């Protein structure tokens, strides 16, 4: 994999982590007043679908090569998005 594809994959992983964080917050807001059974199944389906989209997108971008640092950057993007959401919700 050349340097351009690695940088593009890293940026994609970071921004997908941000998107994932925001979508988790939105889904929890909508699922706040439903019973526990629906919360468990909808959370499971949400994470399954988001994971499939992430891995399929990586397959399209770089042929399905997944490195540890892609997942690490994804988690960094998720955490940064989480901190941003917490900061916004306090205002």
C-alpha atoms as a PDB file:
ATOM      1  CA  UNK A   1       0.000   0.000   0.000  1.00  0.00           C
ATOM      2  CA  UNK A   2       1.462   3.342  -0.975  1.00  0.00           C
ATOM      3  CA  UNK A   3       1.706   6.391   1.273  1.00  0.00           C
ATOM      4  CA  UNK A   4      -1.295   8.153  -0.300  1.00  0.00           C
ATOM      5  CA  UNK A   5      -3.604   5.224   0.469  1.00  0.00           C
ATOM      6  CA  UNK A   6      -2.311   4.967   4.028  1.00  0.00           C
ATOM      7  CA  UNK A   7      -2.884   8.654   4.716  1.00  0.00           C
ATOM      8  CA  UNK A   8      -6.330   8.532   3.123  1.00  0.00           C
ATOM      9  CA  UNK A   9      -7.199   5.419   5.161  1.00  0.00           C
ATOM     10  CA  UNK A  10      -5.986   7.075   8.363  1.00  0.00           C
ATOM     11  CA  UNK A  11      -8.047  10.202   7.691  1.00  0.00           C
ATOM     12  CA  UNK A  12     -11.074   8.097   6.835  1.00  0.00           C
ATOM     13  CA  UNK A  13     -10.671   6.110  10.069  1.00  0.00           C
ATOM     14  CA  UNK A  14     -10.372   9.290  12.131  1.00  0.00           C
ATOM     15  CA  UNK A  15     -13.426  10.975  10.630  1.00  0.00           C
ATOM     16  CA  UNK A  16     -15.434   7.753  10.784  1.00  0.00           C
ATOM     17  CA  UNK A  17     -14.600   7.607  14.495  1.00  0.00           C
ATOM     18  CA  UNK A  18     -15.956  11.144  14.888  1.00  0.00           C
ATOM     19  CA  UNK A  19     -19.103  10.224  12.964  1.00  0.00           C
ATOM     20  CA  UNK A  20     -19.503   7.056  15.022  1.00  0.00           C
ATOM     21  CA  UNK A  21     -19.331   9.050  18.254  1.00  0.00           C
ATOM     22  CA  UNK A  22     -21.978  11.534  17.117  1.00  0.00           C
ATOM     23  CA  UNK A  23     -24.291   8.787  15.845  1.00  0.00           C
ATOM     24  CA  UNK A  24     -24.004   6.880  19.121  1.00  0.00           C
ATOM     25  CA  UNK A  25     -25.088   9.992  21.011  1.00  0.00           C
ATOM     26  CA  UNK A  26     -28.014  10.552  18.658  1.00  0.00           C
ATOM     27  CA  UNK A  27     -29.146   6.931  18.915  1.00  0.00           C
ATOM     28  CA  UNK A  28     -29.030   7.035  22.705  1.00  0.00           C
ATOM     29  CA  UNK A  29     -31.142  10.184  22.748  1.00  0.00           C
ATOM     30  CA  UNK A  30     -33.833   8.459  20.650  1.00  0.00           C
ATOM     31  CA  UNK A  31     -33.704   5.236  22.682  1.00  0.00           C
ATOM     32  CA  UNK A  32     -33.934   6.879  26.085  1.00  0.00           C
ATOM     33  CA  UNK A  33     -37.617   6.112  26.692  1.00  0.00           C
ATOM     34  CA  UNK A  34     -37.971   2.576  25.311  1.00  0.00           C
ATOM     35  CA  UNK A  35     -37.754  -0.718  27.138  1.00  0.00           C
ATOM     36  CA  UNK A  36     -34.494  -2.556  27.763  1.00  0.00           C
ATOM     37  CA  UNK A  37     -35.085  -5.290  25.191  1.00  0.00           C
ATOM     38  CA  UNK A  38     -35.414  -2.783  22.359  1.00  0.00           C
ATOM     39  CA  UNK A  39     -32.347  -0.861  23.592  1.00  0.00           C
ATOM     40  CA  UNK A  40     -30.194  -4.007  23.530  1.00  0.00           C
ATOM     41  CA  UNK A  41     -31.295  -5.122  20.060  1.00  0.00           C
ATOM     42  CA  UNK A  42     -31.113  -1.688  18.493  1.00  0.00           C
ATOM     43  CA  UNK A  43     -27.656  -1.051  19.972  1.00  0.00           C
ATOM     44  CA  UNK A  44     -26.461  -4.425  18.691  1.00  0.00           C
ATOM     45  CA  UNK A  45     -27.811  -3.750  15.200  1.00  0.00           C
ATOM     46  CA  UNK A  46     -26.427  -0.222  15.175  1.00  0.00           C
ATOM     47  CA  UNK A  47     -22.896  -1.358  16.051  1.00  0.00           C
ATOM     48  CA  UNK A  48     -23.090  -4.275  13.618  1.00  0.00           C
ATOM     49  CA  UNK A  49     -24.194  -2.047  10.736  1.00  0.00           C
ATOM     50  CA  UNK A  50     -21.640   0.664  11.528  1.00  0.00           C
ATOM     51  CA  UNK A  51     -18.851  -1.934  11.716  1.00  0.00           C
ATOM     52  CA  UNK A  52     -19.861  -3.459   8.408  1.00  0.00           C
ATOM     53  CA  UNK A  53     -19.907  -0.037   6.772  1.00  0.00           C
ATOM     54  CA  UNK A  54     -16.445   0.740   8.177  1.00  0.00           C
ATOM     55  CA  UNK A  55     -14.861  -2.494   7.004  1.00  0.00           C
ATOM     56  CA  UNK A  56     -16.576  -2.355   3.613  1.00  0.00           C
ATOM     57  CA  UNK A  57     -15.372   1.236   3.160  1.00  0.00           C
ATOM     58  CA  UNK A  58     -11.833   0.179   3.996  1.00  0.00           C
ATOM     59  CA  UNK A  59     -12.212  -2.626   1.476  1.00  0.00           C
ATOM     60  CA  UNK A  60     -13.216  -0.121  -1.192  1.00  0.00           C
ATOM     61  CA  UNK A  61     -10.498   2.383  -0.254  1.00  0.00           C
ATOM     62  CA  UNK A  62      -7.482   0.116   0.088  1.00  0.00           C
ATOM     63  CA  UNK A  63      -8.511  -3.405  -0.841  1.00  0.00           C
ATOM     64  CA  UNK A  64      -9.438  -4.524   2.650  1.00  0.00           C
ATOM     65  CA  UNK A  65      -6.041  -4.124   4.273  1.00  0.00           C
ATOM     66  CA  UNK A  66      -6.625  -3.397   7.945  1.00  0.00           C
ATOM     67  CA  UNK A  67      -3.738  -2.334  10.139  1.00  0.00           C
ATOM     68  CA  UNK A  68      -3.734  -1.908  13.888  1.00  0.00           C
ATOM     69  CA  UNK A  69      -3.098   1.822  13.580  1.00  0.00           C
ATOM     70  CA  UNK A  70      -6.277   2.264  11.508  1.00  0.00           C
ATOM     71  CA  UNK A  71      -8.290   0.983  14.452  1.00  0.00           C
ATOM     72  CA  UNK A  72      -6.211   3.045  16.873  1.00  0.00           C
ATOM     73  CA  UNK A  73      -6.899   6.222  14.873  1.00  0.00           C
ATOM     74  CA  UNK A  74     -10.597   5.249  14.731  1.00  0.00           C
ATOM     75  CA  UNK A  75     -10.666   5.036  18.541  1.00  0.00           C
ATOM     76  CA  UNK A  76      -8.866   8.397  18.786  1.00  0.00           C
ATOM     77  CA  UNK A  77     -11.478   9.954  16.511  1.00  0.00           C
ATOM     78  CA  UNK A  78     -14.272   8.385  18.551  1.00  0.00           C
ATOM     79  CA  UNK A  79     -12.782   9.695  21.796  1.00  0.00           C
ATOM     80  CA  UNK A  80     -12.296  13.193  20.421  1.00  0.00           C
ATOM     81  CA  UNK A  81     -15.897  13.172  19.190  1.00  0.00           C
ATOM     82  CA  UNK A  82     -17.033  11.940  22.608  1.00  0.00           C
ATOM     83  CA  UNK A  83     -15.220  14.798  24.346  1.00  0.00           C
ATOM     84  CA  UNK A  84     -16.773  17.261  21.905  1.00  0.00           C
ATOM     85  CA  UNK A  85     -20.269  15.872  22.507  1.00  0.00           C
ATOM     86  CA  UNK A  86     -19.798  16.017  26.287  1.00  0.00           C
ATOM     87  CA  UNK A  87     -18.592  19.615  26.017  1.00  0.00           C
ATOM     88  CA  UNK A  88     -21.602  20.551  23.876  1.00  0.00           C
ATOM     89  CA  UNK A  89     -24.079  18.828  26.169  1.00  0.00           C
ATOM     90  CA  UNK A  90     -22.817  20.788  29.192  1.00  0.00           C
ATOM     91  CA  UNK A  91     -23.657  24.106  27.523  1.00  0.00           C
END
